Amino acid sequence: MKNRKALRYYWFHFFIAISGLISCKFNSQTEEAHILRAGIGFDNIELSKLTLSDVKERFGDKFKTDTSYLQPIINQSSLDSSVQGKRKIYSFRLFYESSGISFYFKPDSNQITALKVEKPFNGQTDKGIVLSKSTFREIIAIYGDSAWEFTGNYIAKGYNGIRFYRQFYHAMVIPDSILAKYLDSTVTAISINHPTQQ
């Protein structure tokens, strides 16, 4: 009798546990992607109206700060040895690791100048480029070609109001044969910044 009760107890909790796992997996797969818009932001977060106070109020105080010196973005088509190695504090960052969102602001301003998303952020652009899934070849097919850019440990392709990144650990001057291999690599981060005036 005791064994039968123990067996029922075991199977009841086993099915509860399995149901919970299936539910969690289903929810994670069906979560709607945030839509990133070049020069604007995502969802109801508009870069042009966003301040440091807004970010802290909306996302909380569980962030990491990054105040390191940043390398300037260098364009492969116009490499100039005089700018290599120069570093300055360009901006500060609040990084919300659990959501994969970073917000950038200048040292003398409360205004957010750019945002960047990476895993585990679930997002895609309004033109269909999916974070951690789409390749640079697909990006070029939709946004057009642009010169490769290099900043820190990233290689990127930038467009008006948006930039697509991938980790990159090569020397600064890269032969075209190596760069061509990156066309089929996936984008691991996307940044939204203020569009340039046309």
N, C-alpha and C. Protein backbone atom coordinates (compact mmCIF):
# COMPACT_ATOMS: atom_id res chain seq x y z
N MET A 1 0.84 -1.21 0.00
CA MET A 1 0.00 0.00 0.00
C MET A 1 0.87 1.26 0.00
N LYS A 2 1.89 1.25 0.90
CA LYS A 2 2.78 2.40 0.97
C LYS A 2 3.53 2.58 -0.34
N ASN A 3 3.92 1.43 -0.92
CA ASN A 3 4.66 1.48 -2.19
C ASN A 3 3.80 2.09 -3.30
N ARG A 4 2.50 1.73 -3.31
CA ARG A 4 1.60 2.23 -4.33
C ARG A 4 1.42 3.75 -4.19
N LYS A 5 1.30 4.22 -2.94
CA LYS A 5 1.16 5.67 -2.69
C LYS A 5 2.43 6.40 -3.10
N ALA A 6 3.56 5.79 -2.78
CA ALA A 6 4.84 6.40 -3.13
C ALA A 6 4.99 6.48 -4.64
N LEU A 7 4.54 5.43 -5.34
CA LEU A 7 4.63 5.42 -6.80
C LEU A 7 3.73 6.49 -7.41
N ARG A 8 2.51 6.62 -6.88
CA ARG A 8 1.60 7.67 -7.37
C ARG A 8 2.20 9.06 -7.14
N TYR A 9 2.77 9.25 -5.97
CA TYR A 9 3.40 10.52 -5.61
C TYR A 9 4.54 10.84 -6.60
N TYR A 10 5.34 9.81 -6.89
CA TYR A 10 6.47 9.98 -7.81
C TYR A 10 5.99 10.37 -9.20
N TRP A 11 5.01 9.61 -9.74
CA TRP A 11 4.53 9.88 -11.09
C TRP A 11 3.81 11.23 -11.18
N PHE A 12 3.08 11.60 -10.17
CA PHE A 12 2.40 12.90 -10.17
C PHE A 12 3.41 14.03 -10.32
N HIS A 13 4.47 14.01 -9.50
CA HIS A 13 5.46 15.07 -9.55
C HIS A 13 6.32 15.00 -10.83
N PHE A 14 6.51 13.81 -11.35
CA PHE A 14 7.24 13.66 -12.60
C PHE A 14 6.48 14.35 -13.74
N PHE A 15 5.17 14.12 -13.82
CA PHE A 15 4.37 14.74 -14.88
C PHE A 15 4.28 16.26 -14.71
N ILE A 16 4.23 16.72 -13.48
CA ILE A 16 4.22 18.16 -13.22
C ILE A 16 5.52 18.78 -13.74
N ALA A 17 6.64 18.13 -13.44
CA ALA A 17 7.94 18.64 -13.87
C ALA A 17 8.06 18.67 -15.39
N ILE A 18 7.64 17.60 -16.05
CA ILE A 18 7.70 17.52 -17.52
C ILE A 18 6.80 18.58 -18.14
N SER A 19 5.60 18.76 -17.59
CA SER A 19 4.68 19.78 -18.10
C SER A 19 5.29 21.17 -18.01
N GLY A 20 5.97 21.43 -16.91
CA GLY A 20 6.61 22.73 -16.72
C GLY A 20 7.71 22.96 -17.74
N LEU A 21 8.52 21.93 -18.01
CA LEU A 21 9.60 22.07 -18.99
C LEU A 21 9.06 22.32 -20.38
N ILE A 22 8.01 21.58 -20.75
CA ILE A 22 7.40 21.77 -22.07
C ILE A 22 6.83 23.17 -22.19
N SER A 23 6.18 23.64 -21.15
CA SER A 23 5.59 24.98 -21.16
C SER A 23 6.66 26.05 -21.32
N CYS A 24 7.78 25.91 -20.57
CA CYS A 24 8.86 26.89 -20.66
C CYS A 24 9.46 26.92 -22.04
N LYS A 25 9.68 25.73 -22.62
CA LYS A 25 10.26 25.66 -23.96
C LYS A 25 9.33 26.29 -24.97
N PHE A 26 8.05 26.01 -24.87
CA PHE A 26 7.07 26.56 -25.81
C PHE A 26 7.02 28.07 -25.71
N ASN A 27 7.02 28.60 -24.48
CA ASN A 27 6.95 30.05 -24.30
C ASN A 27 8.18 30.74 -24.85
N SER A 28 9.37 30.13 -24.67
CA SER A 28 10.59 30.76 -25.16
C SER A 28 10.62 30.77 -26.68
N GLN A 29 10.01 29.75 -27.31
CA GLN A 29 10.02 29.67 -28.76
C GLN A 29 8.98 30.60 -29.38
N THR A 30 7.90 30.88 -28.66
CA THR A 30 6.83 31.68 -29.23
C THR A 30 6.89 33.15 -28.84
N GLU A 31 7.89 33.54 -28.05
CA GLU A 31 8.03 34.94 -27.67
C GLU A 31 8.24 35.79 -28.92
N GLU A 32 7.45 36.82 -29.07
CA GLU A 32 7.56 37.66 -30.26
C GLU A 32 8.86 38.45 -30.26
N ALA A 33 9.43 38.55 -31.43
CA ALA A 33 10.69 39.30 -31.58
C ALA A 33 10.41 40.80 -31.50
N HIS A 34 11.34 41.52 -30.86
CA HIS A 34 11.29 42.98 -30.86
C HIS A 34 11.68 43.45 -32.26
N ILE A 35 11.01 44.49 -32.75
CA ILE A 35 11.31 45.00 -34.08
C ILE A 35 12.21 46.23 -33.97
N LEU A 36 13.42 46.11 -34.53
CA LEU A 36 14.40 47.19 -34.52
C LEU A 36 14.23 48.05 -35.77
N ARG A 37 14.19 49.38 -35.56
CA ARG A 37 14.04 50.30 -36.70
C ARG A 37 15.23 51.25 -36.76
N ALA A 38 15.87 51.29 -37.90
CA ALA A 38 17.08 52.10 -38.08
C ALA A 38 16.82 53.56 -37.72
N GLY A 39 17.69 54.11 -36.88
CA GLY A 39 17.60 55.51 -36.50
C GLY A 39 16.48 55.84 -35.53
N ILE A 40 15.69 54.83 -35.15
CA ILE A 40 14.53 55.09 -34.28
C ILE A 40 14.64 54.36 -32.95
N GLY A 41 14.72 53.04 -32.97
CA GLY A 41 14.78 52.27 -31.73
C GLY A 41 14.09 50.94 -31.89
N PHE A 42 13.40 50.47 -30.86
CA PHE A 42 12.60 49.25 -30.96
C PHE A 42 11.39 49.36 -30.04
N ASP A 43 10.33 48.66 -30.45
CA ASP A 43 9.05 48.73 -29.73
C ASP A 43 8.67 50.20 -29.52
N ASN A 44 8.38 50.59 -28.28
CA ASN A 44 8.04 52.00 -28.03
C ASN A 44 9.22 52.77 -27.46
N ILE A 45 10.42 52.26 -27.63
CA ILE A 45 11.62 52.95 -27.16
C ILE A 45 12.20 53.76 -28.32
N GLU A 46 12.08 55.07 -28.23
CA GLU A 46 12.56 55.95 -29.29
C GLU A 46 13.85 56.63 -28.85
N LEU A 47 14.88 56.40 -29.62
CA LEU A 47 16.21 56.91 -29.30
C LEU A 47 16.23 58.43 -29.16
N SER A 48 15.49 59.12 -30.01
CA SER A 48 15.52 60.58 -30.01
C SER A 48 14.94 61.19 -28.73
N LYS A 49 14.13 60.41 -28.00
CA LYS A 49 13.49 60.92 -26.78
C LYS A 49 14.06 60.29 -25.51
N LEU A 50 15.01 59.39 -25.66
CA LEU A 50 15.47 58.57 -24.53
C LEU A 50 16.61 59.23 -23.76
N THR A 51 16.44 59.32 -22.44
CA THR A 51 17.49 59.86 -21.57
C THR A 51 18.00 58.77 -20.63
N LEU A 52 19.09 59.06 -19.98
CA LEU A 52 19.67 58.14 -19.01
C LEU A 52 18.67 57.82 -17.89
N SER A 53 17.95 58.83 -17.44
CA SER A 53 16.95 58.63 -16.38
C SER A 53 15.83 57.71 -16.85
N ASP A 54 15.41 57.86 -18.11
CA ASP A 54 14.36 57.00 -18.68
C ASP A 54 14.80 55.54 -18.66
N VAL A 55 16.05 55.30 -19.06
CA VAL A 55 16.58 53.93 -19.13
C VAL A 55 16.57 53.29 -17.74
N LYS A 56 17.07 54.02 -16.74
CA LYS A 56 17.12 53.47 -15.38
C LYS A 56 15.72 53.22 -14.82
N GLU A 57 14.80 54.11 -15.15
CA GLU A 57 13.43 53.95 -14.66
C GLU A 57 12.77 52.73 -15.29
N ARG A 58 13.01 52.53 -16.57
CA ARG A 58 12.35 51.44 -17.29
C ARG A 58 13.02 50.09 -17.08
N PHE A 59 14.36 50.06 -17.07
CA PHE A 59 15.08 48.80 -17.03
C PHE A 59 15.69 48.48 -15.67
N GLY A 60 15.68 49.43 -14.74
CA GLY A 60 16.16 49.17 -13.40
C GLY A 60 17.64 49.48 -13.21
N ASP A 61 18.15 49.06 -12.07
CA ASP A 61 19.53 49.41 -11.71
C ASP A 61 20.48 48.21 -11.75
N LYS A 62 20.05 47.10 -12.34
CA LYS A 62 20.93 45.93 -12.44
C LYS A 62 21.65 45.95 -13.78
N PHE A 63 22.60 46.88 -13.88
CA PHE A 63 23.37 47.03 -15.11
C PHE A 63 24.85 47.07 -14.79
N LYS A 64 25.66 46.83 -15.80
CA LYS A 64 27.10 46.99 -15.69
C LYS A 64 27.46 48.28 -16.43
N THR A 65 28.47 48.97 -15.94
CA THR A 65 28.91 50.18 -16.63
C THR A 65 30.24 49.94 -17.31
N ASP A 66 30.42 50.60 -18.42
CA ASP A 66 31.65 50.47 -19.19
C ASP A 66 32.11 51.88 -19.53
N THR A 67 33.20 52.29 -18.96
CA THR A 67 33.73 53.62 -19.21
C THR A 67 35.14 53.54 -19.81
N SER A 68 35.40 52.43 -20.47
CA SER A 68 36.73 52.25 -21.05
C SER A 68 36.89 53.14 -22.28
N TYR A 69 38.15 53.35 -22.63
CA TYR A 69 38.44 54.10 -23.84
C TYR A 69 38.05 53.25 -25.04
N LEU A 70 37.42 53.87 -26.00
CA LEU A 70 36.95 53.15 -27.18
C LEU A 70 37.78 53.52 -28.39
N GLN A 71 38.08 52.51 -29.22
CA GLN A 71 38.78 52.78 -30.47
C GLN A 71 37.81 53.44 -31.43
N PRO A 72 38.27 54.39 -32.22
CA PRO A 72 37.39 54.94 -33.25
C PRO A 72 37.10 53.87 -34.30
N ILE A 73 35.91 53.95 -34.92
CA ILE A 73 35.60 53.02 -36.00
C ILE A 73 36.49 53.37 -37.18
N ILE A 74 37.15 52.35 -37.73
CA ILE A 74 38.05 52.56 -38.86
C ILE A 74 37.47 51.84 -40.07
N ASN A 75 37.40 52.55 -41.17
CA ASN A 75 36.83 52.02 -42.39
C ASN A 75 37.93 51.34 -43.20
N GLN A 76 37.69 50.10 -43.65
CA GLN A 76 38.71 49.34 -44.38
C GLN A 76 39.14 50.06 -45.65
N SER A 77 38.24 50.81 -46.29
CA SER A 77 38.59 51.45 -47.55
C SER A 77 39.39 52.73 -47.37
N SER A 78 39.50 53.21 -46.14
CA SER A 78 40.25 54.46 -45.93
C SER A 78 41.14 54.36 -44.70
N LEU A 79 41.86 53.25 -44.56
CA LEU A 79 42.75 53.07 -43.41
C LEU A 79 43.85 54.12 -43.44
N ASP A 80 44.06 54.74 -42.33
CA ASP A 80 45.08 55.78 -42.21
C ASP A 80 45.90 55.45 -40.97
N SER A 81 47.18 55.24 -41.12
CA SER A 81 48.02 54.83 -40.00
C SER A 81 48.05 55.89 -38.90
N SER A 82 47.73 57.14 -39.24
CA SER A 82 47.78 58.21 -38.23
C SER A 82 46.66 58.09 -37.20
N VAL A 83 45.56 57.39 -37.56
CA VAL A 83 44.46 57.26 -36.60
C VAL A 83 44.52 55.94 -35.84
N GLN A 84 45.33 55.00 -36.30
CA GLN A 84 45.42 53.72 -35.60
C GLN A 84 46.06 53.92 -34.23
N GLY A 85 45.48 53.31 -33.24
CA GLY A 85 46.04 53.35 -31.90
C GLY A 85 45.56 54.53 -31.07
N LYS A 86 44.94 55.56 -31.70
CA LYS A 86 44.44 56.69 -30.93
C LYS A 86 43.17 56.26 -30.21
N ARG A 87 43.07 56.60 -28.93
CA ARG A 87 41.90 56.22 -28.15
C ARG A 87 41.44 57.41 -27.32
N LYS A 88 40.14 57.49 -27.14
CA LYS A 88 39.59 58.53 -26.26
C LYS A 88 38.27 58.01 -25.69
N ILE A 89 37.81 58.66 -24.64
CA ILE A 89 36.49 58.28 -24.10
C ILE A 89 35.47 58.89 -25.04
N TYR A 90 34.84 58.00 -25.79
CA TYR A 90 33.83 58.45 -26.74
C TYR A 90 32.44 58.45 -26.11
N SER A 91 32.17 57.41 -25.33
CA SER A 91 30.87 57.32 -24.67
C SER A 91 30.96 56.33 -23.51
N PHE A 92 29.93 56.38 -22.67
CA PHE A 92 29.80 55.43 -21.58
C PHE A 92 28.65 54.49 -21.92
N ARG A 93 28.65 53.34 -21.27
CA ARG A 93 27.62 52.34 -21.56
C ARG A 93 26.99 51.80 -20.30
N LEU A 94 25.67 51.60 -20.36
CA LEU A 94 24.94 50.82 -19.36
C LEU A 94 24.56 49.51 -20.04
N PHE A 95 25.02 48.39 -19.49
CA PHE A 95 24.79 47.09 -20.11
C PHE A 95 23.89 46.25 -19.22
N TYR A 96 22.69 45.92 -19.73
CA TYR A 96 21.75 45.05 -19.03
C TYR A 96 21.96 43.63 -19.57
N GLU A 97 22.85 42.90 -18.90
CA GLU A 97 23.29 41.60 -19.40
C GLU A 97 22.15 40.60 -19.53
N SER A 98 21.22 40.59 -18.58
CA SER A 98 20.15 39.60 -18.59
C SER A 98 19.20 39.78 -19.78
N SER A 99 19.12 40.99 -20.32
CA SER A 99 18.25 41.23 -21.48
C SER A 99 19.04 41.45 -22.76
N GLY A 100 20.36 41.59 -22.66
CA GLY A 100 21.19 41.77 -23.85
C GLY A 100 21.08 43.14 -24.48
N ILE A 101 20.83 44.18 -23.68
CA ILE A 101 20.67 45.54 -24.21
C ILE A 101 21.71 46.47 -23.59
N SER A 102 22.34 47.27 -24.42
CA SER A 102 23.28 48.30 -23.96
C SER A 102 22.77 49.67 -24.41
N PHE A 103 22.97 50.66 -23.55
CA PHE A 103 22.63 52.04 -23.88
C PHE A 103 23.88 52.89 -23.74
N TYR A 104 24.12 53.77 -24.71
CA TYR A 104 25.33 54.59 -24.73
C TYR A 104 24.99 56.06 -24.58
N PHE A 105 25.86 56.78 -23.87
CA PHE A 105 25.67 58.22 -23.72
C PHE A 105 27.02 58.89 -23.61
N LYS A 106 27.07 60.16 -24.00
CA LYS A 106 28.31 60.93 -23.98
C LYS A 106 28.64 61.35 -22.55
N PRO A 107 29.93 61.58 -22.26
CA PRO A 107 30.33 61.97 -20.90
C PRO A 107 29.65 63.23 -20.38
N ASP A 108 29.29 64.14 -21.28
CA ASP A 108 28.72 65.42 -20.85
C ASP A 108 27.23 65.55 -21.14
N SER A 109 26.54 64.40 -21.29
CA SER A 109 25.12 64.46 -21.67
C SER A 109 24.32 63.38 -20.98
N ASN A 110 23.04 63.65 -20.79
CA ASN A 110 22.09 62.69 -20.24
C ASN A 110 21.31 61.99 -21.35
N GLN A 111 21.52 62.42 -22.59
CA GLN A 111 20.79 61.89 -23.74
C GLN A 111 21.44 60.59 -24.22
N ILE A 112 20.60 59.58 -24.49
CA ILE A 112 21.11 58.33 -25.05
C ILE A 112 21.41 58.55 -26.52
N THR A 113 22.61 58.19 -26.93
CA THR A 113 23.02 58.42 -28.32
C THR A 113 22.92 57.16 -29.18
N ALA A 114 22.92 55.99 -28.55
CA ALA A 114 22.82 54.74 -29.31
C ALA A 114 22.41 53.61 -28.37
N LEU A 115 21.87 52.56 -28.95
CA LEU A 115 21.59 51.35 -28.19
C LEU A 115 22.09 50.17 -29.00
N LYS A 116 22.43 49.10 -28.30
CA LYS A 116 22.97 47.91 -28.97
C LYS A 116 22.34 46.68 -28.35
N VAL A 117 21.98 45.70 -29.18
CA VAL A 117 21.36 44.48 -28.68
C VAL A 117 22.17 43.26 -29.11
N GLU A 118 22.18 42.26 -28.26
CA GLU A 118 22.86 40.99 -28.52
C GLU A 118 22.13 39.92 -27.73
N LYS A 119 22.56 38.66 -27.86
CA LYS A 119 21.91 37.59 -27.08
C LYS A 119 21.90 37.95 -25.61
N PRO A 120 20.82 37.65 -24.87
CA PRO A 120 19.64 36.87 -25.26
C PRO A 120 18.49 37.68 -25.86
N PHE A 121 18.76 38.92 -26.26
CA PHE A 121 17.72 39.75 -26.86
C PHE A 121 17.14 39.04 -28.09
N ASN A 122 15.82 39.02 -28.19
CA ASN A 122 15.13 38.40 -29.31
C ASN A 122 14.64 39.51 -30.23
N GLY A 123 15.36 39.74 -31.32
CA GLY A 123 14.98 40.86 -32.17
C GLY A 123 15.31 40.67 -33.63
N GLN A 124 14.64 41.46 -34.44
CA GLN A 124 14.92 41.51 -35.87
C GLN A 124 14.60 42.90 -36.38
N THR A 125 15.21 43.28 -37.48
CA THR A 125 14.95 44.61 -38.02
C THR A 125 13.61 44.62 -38.75
N ASP A 126 13.10 45.80 -39.01
CA ASP A 126 11.84 45.91 -39.73
C ASP A 126 11.98 45.47 -41.19
N LYS A 127 13.23 45.20 -41.62
CA LYS A 127 13.45 44.69 -42.98
C LYS A 127 13.75 43.19 -42.96
N GLY A 128 13.66 42.56 -41.78
CA GLY A 128 13.74 41.11 -41.70
C GLY A 128 15.07 40.50 -41.33
N ILE A 129 16.07 41.30 -40.95
CA ILE A 129 17.34 40.75 -40.51
C ILE A 129 17.21 40.31 -39.05
N VAL A 130 17.47 39.03 -38.79
CA VAL A 130 17.25 38.44 -37.47
C VAL A 130 18.58 38.32 -36.72
N LEU A 131 18.59 38.87 -35.50
CA LEU A 131 19.77 38.80 -34.65
C LEU A 131 20.16 37.35 -34.39
N SER A 132 21.46 37.04 -34.51
CA SER A 132 22.02 35.71 -34.25
C SER A 132 21.56 34.66 -35.25
N LYS A 133 20.97 35.09 -36.37
CA LYS A 133 20.51 34.14 -37.38
C LYS A 133 20.88 34.58 -38.80
N SER A 134 20.61 35.84 -39.13
CA SER A 134 20.88 36.33 -40.48
C SER A 134 22.38 36.52 -40.70
N THR A 135 22.81 36.39 -41.94
CA THR A 135 24.22 36.53 -42.29
C THR A 135 24.48 37.92 -42.90
N PHE A 136 25.75 38.24 -43.01
CA PHE A 136 26.13 39.52 -43.64
C PHE A 136 25.77 39.51 -45.12
N ARG A 137 25.78 38.36 -45.74
CA ARG A 137 25.35 38.28 -47.13
C ARG A 137 23.88 38.69 -47.27
N GLU A 138 23.06 38.25 -46.33
CA GLU A 138 21.64 38.63 -46.34
C GLU A 138 21.47 40.12 -46.05
N ILE A 139 22.32 40.65 -45.16
CA ILE A 139 22.27 42.08 -44.84
C ILE A 139 22.56 42.91 -46.09
N ILE A 140 23.59 42.52 -46.82
CA ILE A 140 23.97 43.24 -48.04
C ILE A 140 22.86 43.18 -49.08
N ALA A 141 22.20 42.01 -49.18
CA ALA A 141 21.12 41.86 -50.15
C ALA A 141 19.96 42.81 -49.87
N ILE A 142 19.75 43.12 -48.59
CA ILE A 142 18.62 43.98 -48.21
C ILE A 142 19.03 45.45 -48.10
N TYR A 143 20.16 45.73 -47.45
CA TYR A 143 20.56 47.11 -47.16
C TYR A 143 21.55 47.68 -48.18
N GLY A 144 22.11 46.81 -49.03
CA GLY A 144 23.14 47.24 -49.96
C GLY A 144 24.52 47.01 -49.36
N ASP A 145 25.55 47.13 -50.19
CA ASP A 145 26.90 46.88 -49.70
C ASP A 145 27.46 48.14 -49.06
N SER A 146 28.35 47.95 -48.13
CA SER A 146 29.08 49.05 -47.50
C SER A 146 30.44 48.51 -47.09
N ALA A 147 31.39 49.39 -46.87
CA ALA A 147 32.73 48.95 -46.49
C ALA A 147 32.70 48.31 -45.11
N TRP A 148 33.56 47.32 -44.90
CA TRP A 148 33.70 46.73 -43.57
C TRP A 148 34.27 47.79 -42.62
N GLU A 149 33.80 47.77 -41.39
CA GLU A 149 34.30 48.67 -40.35
C GLU A 149 34.84 47.82 -39.21
N PHE A 150 35.77 48.38 -38.45
CA PHE A 150 36.39 47.66 -37.35
C PHE A 150 36.37 48.54 -36.11
N THR A 151 35.88 47.99 -35.01
CA THR A 151 35.90 48.72 -33.74
C THR A 151 36.06 47.73 -32.60
N GLY A 152 37.07 47.92 -31.79
CA GLY A 152 37.33 46.98 -30.71
C GLY A 152 37.54 45.59 -31.27
N ASN A 153 36.79 44.61 -30.75
CA ASN A 153 36.88 43.23 -31.22
C ASN A 153 35.73 42.87 -32.15
N TYR A 154 35.24 43.85 -32.90
CA TYR A 154 34.11 43.62 -33.80
C TYR A 154 34.45 44.03 -35.22
N ILE A 155 33.84 43.31 -36.15
CA ILE A 155 33.79 43.72 -37.55
C ILE A 155 32.33 44.10 -37.79
N ALA A 156 32.10 45.09 -38.64
CA ALA A 156 30.72 45.58 -38.79
C ALA A 156 30.46 46.10 -40.19
N LYS A 157 29.18 46.19 -40.50
CA LYS A 157 28.71 46.91 -41.69
C LYS A 157 27.69 47.92 -41.20
N GLY A 158 27.91 49.18 -41.55
CA GLY A 158 27.04 50.24 -41.06
C GLY A 158 26.22 50.89 -42.16
N TYR A 159 25.03 51.31 -41.77
CA TYR A 159 24.11 52.01 -42.67
C TYR A 159 23.52 53.17 -41.88
N ASN A 160 22.73 53.98 -42.52
CA ASN A 160 22.18 55.16 -41.86
C ASN A 160 21.26 54.77 -40.70
N GLY A 161 21.74 54.97 -39.47
CA GLY A 161 20.92 54.69 -38.29
C GLY A 161 21.00 53.28 -37.76
N ILE A 162 21.81 52.41 -38.39
CA ILE A 162 21.88 51.02 -37.93
C ILE A 162 23.25 50.44 -38.28
N ARG A 163 23.74 49.52 -37.44
CA ARG A 163 25.02 48.87 -37.69
C ARG A 163 24.92 47.42 -37.23
N PHE A 164 25.52 46.52 -38.03
CA PHE A 164 25.49 45.09 -37.75
C PHE A 164 26.90 44.61 -37.41
N TYR A 165 27.04 43.81 -36.33
CA TYR A 165 28.34 43.43 -35.81
C TYR A 165 28.53 41.92 -35.76
N ARG A 166 29.82 41.57 -35.71
CA ARG A 166 30.25 40.18 -35.47
C ARG A 166 31.59 40.25 -34.76
N GLN A 167 31.86 39.34 -33.81
CA GLN A 167 33.16 39.31 -33.14
C GLN A 167 34.25 39.09 -34.18
N PHE A 168 35.40 39.71 -33.92
CA PHE A 168 36.49 39.70 -34.91
C PHE A 168 37.81 39.84 -34.18
N TYR A 169 38.76 38.94 -34.43
CA TYR A 169 40.01 38.94 -33.67
C TYR A 169 41.24 38.90 -34.57
N HIS A 170 41.17 39.55 -35.72
CA HIS A 170 42.31 39.58 -36.63
C HIS A 170 43.08 40.89 -36.49
N ALA A 171 44.20 40.98 -37.20
CA ALA A 171 44.95 42.23 -37.25
C ALA A 171 44.11 43.27 -37.98
N MET A 172 44.52 44.54 -37.90
CA MET A 172 43.70 45.61 -38.45
C MET A 172 43.62 45.58 -39.98
N VAL A 173 44.72 45.32 -40.66
CA VAL A 173 44.69 45.29 -42.12
C VAL A 173 44.41 43.86 -42.56
N ILE A 174 43.26 43.67 -43.20
CA ILE A 174 42.77 42.33 -43.51
C ILE A 174 42.68 42.13 -45.02
N PRO A 175 43.22 41.02 -45.53
CA PRO A 175 43.06 40.75 -46.96
C PRO A 175 41.61 40.46 -47.31
N ASP A 176 41.22 40.79 -48.54
CA ASP A 176 39.84 40.58 -48.97
C ASP A 176 39.43 39.12 -48.88
N SER A 177 40.36 38.20 -49.03
CA SER A 177 40.03 36.77 -48.98
C SER A 177 39.49 36.37 -47.60
N ILE A 178 40.03 36.98 -46.54
CA ILE A 178 39.54 36.69 -45.18
C ILE A 178 38.20 37.38 -44.96
N LEU A 179 38.08 38.62 -45.41
CA LEU A 179 36.82 39.35 -45.23
C LEU A 179 35.67 38.63 -45.94
N ALA A 180 35.95 38.04 -47.09
CA ALA A 180 34.90 37.35 -47.84
C ALA A 180 34.29 36.21 -47.04
N LYS A 181 35.10 35.58 -46.18
CA LYS A 181 34.60 34.48 -45.36
C LYS A 181 33.55 34.95 -44.35
N TYR A 182 33.61 36.22 -43.99
CA TYR A 182 32.67 36.75 -43.01
C TYR A 182 31.29 37.03 -43.59
N LEU A 183 31.16 36.99 -44.90
CA LEU A 183 29.86 37.24 -45.52
C LEU A 183 28.82 36.21 -45.09
N ASP A 184 29.25 34.98 -44.84
CA ASP A 184 28.32 33.93 -44.44
C ASP A 184 28.27 33.70 -42.94
N SER A 185 28.89 34.58 -42.16
CA SER A 185 28.80 34.49 -40.71
C SER A 185 27.58 35.27 -40.23
N THR A 186 27.06 34.88 -39.07
CA THR A 186 25.83 35.51 -38.58
C THR A 186 26.14 36.79 -37.81
N VAL A 187 25.18 37.68 -37.82
CA VAL A 187 25.30 38.93 -37.07
C VAL A 187 25.05 38.63 -35.59
N THR A 188 25.95 39.08 -34.71
CA THR A 188 25.82 38.77 -33.29
C THR A 188 25.37 39.98 -32.46
N ALA A 189 25.35 41.16 -33.08
CA ALA A 189 24.88 42.35 -32.37
C ALA A 189 24.38 43.36 -33.41
N ILE A 190 23.42 44.15 -33.00
CA ILE A 190 22.87 45.21 -33.85
C ILE A 190 22.78 46.47 -33.02
N SER A 191 23.27 47.59 -33.56
CA SER A 191 23.13 48.87 -32.85
C SER A 191 22.23 49.80 -33.63
N ILE A 192 21.52 50.61 -32.90
CA ILE A 192 20.67 51.66 -33.48
C ILE A 192 21.26 52.99 -33.01
N ASN A 193 21.50 53.88 -33.94
CA ASN A 193 22.02 55.20 -33.57
C ASN A 193 21.26 56.27 -34.34
N HIS A 194 21.52 57.51 -33.98
CA HIS A 194 20.82 58.61 -34.65
C HIS A 194 21.21 58.64 -36.11
N PRO A 195 20.24 58.81 -37.00
CA PRO A 195 20.57 58.84 -38.43
C PRO A 195 21.35 60.11 -38.78
N THR A 196 22.20 59.99 -39.78
CA THR A 196 22.91 61.17 -40.26
C THR A 196 21.95 62.00 -41.11
N GLN A 197 22.17 63.29 -41.09
CA GLN A 197 21.31 64.18 -41.88
C GLN A 197 21.60 63.96 -43.36
N GLN A 198 20.54 63.84 -44.17
CA GLN A 198 20.71 63.63 -45.60
C GLN A 198 20.50 64.92 -46.35
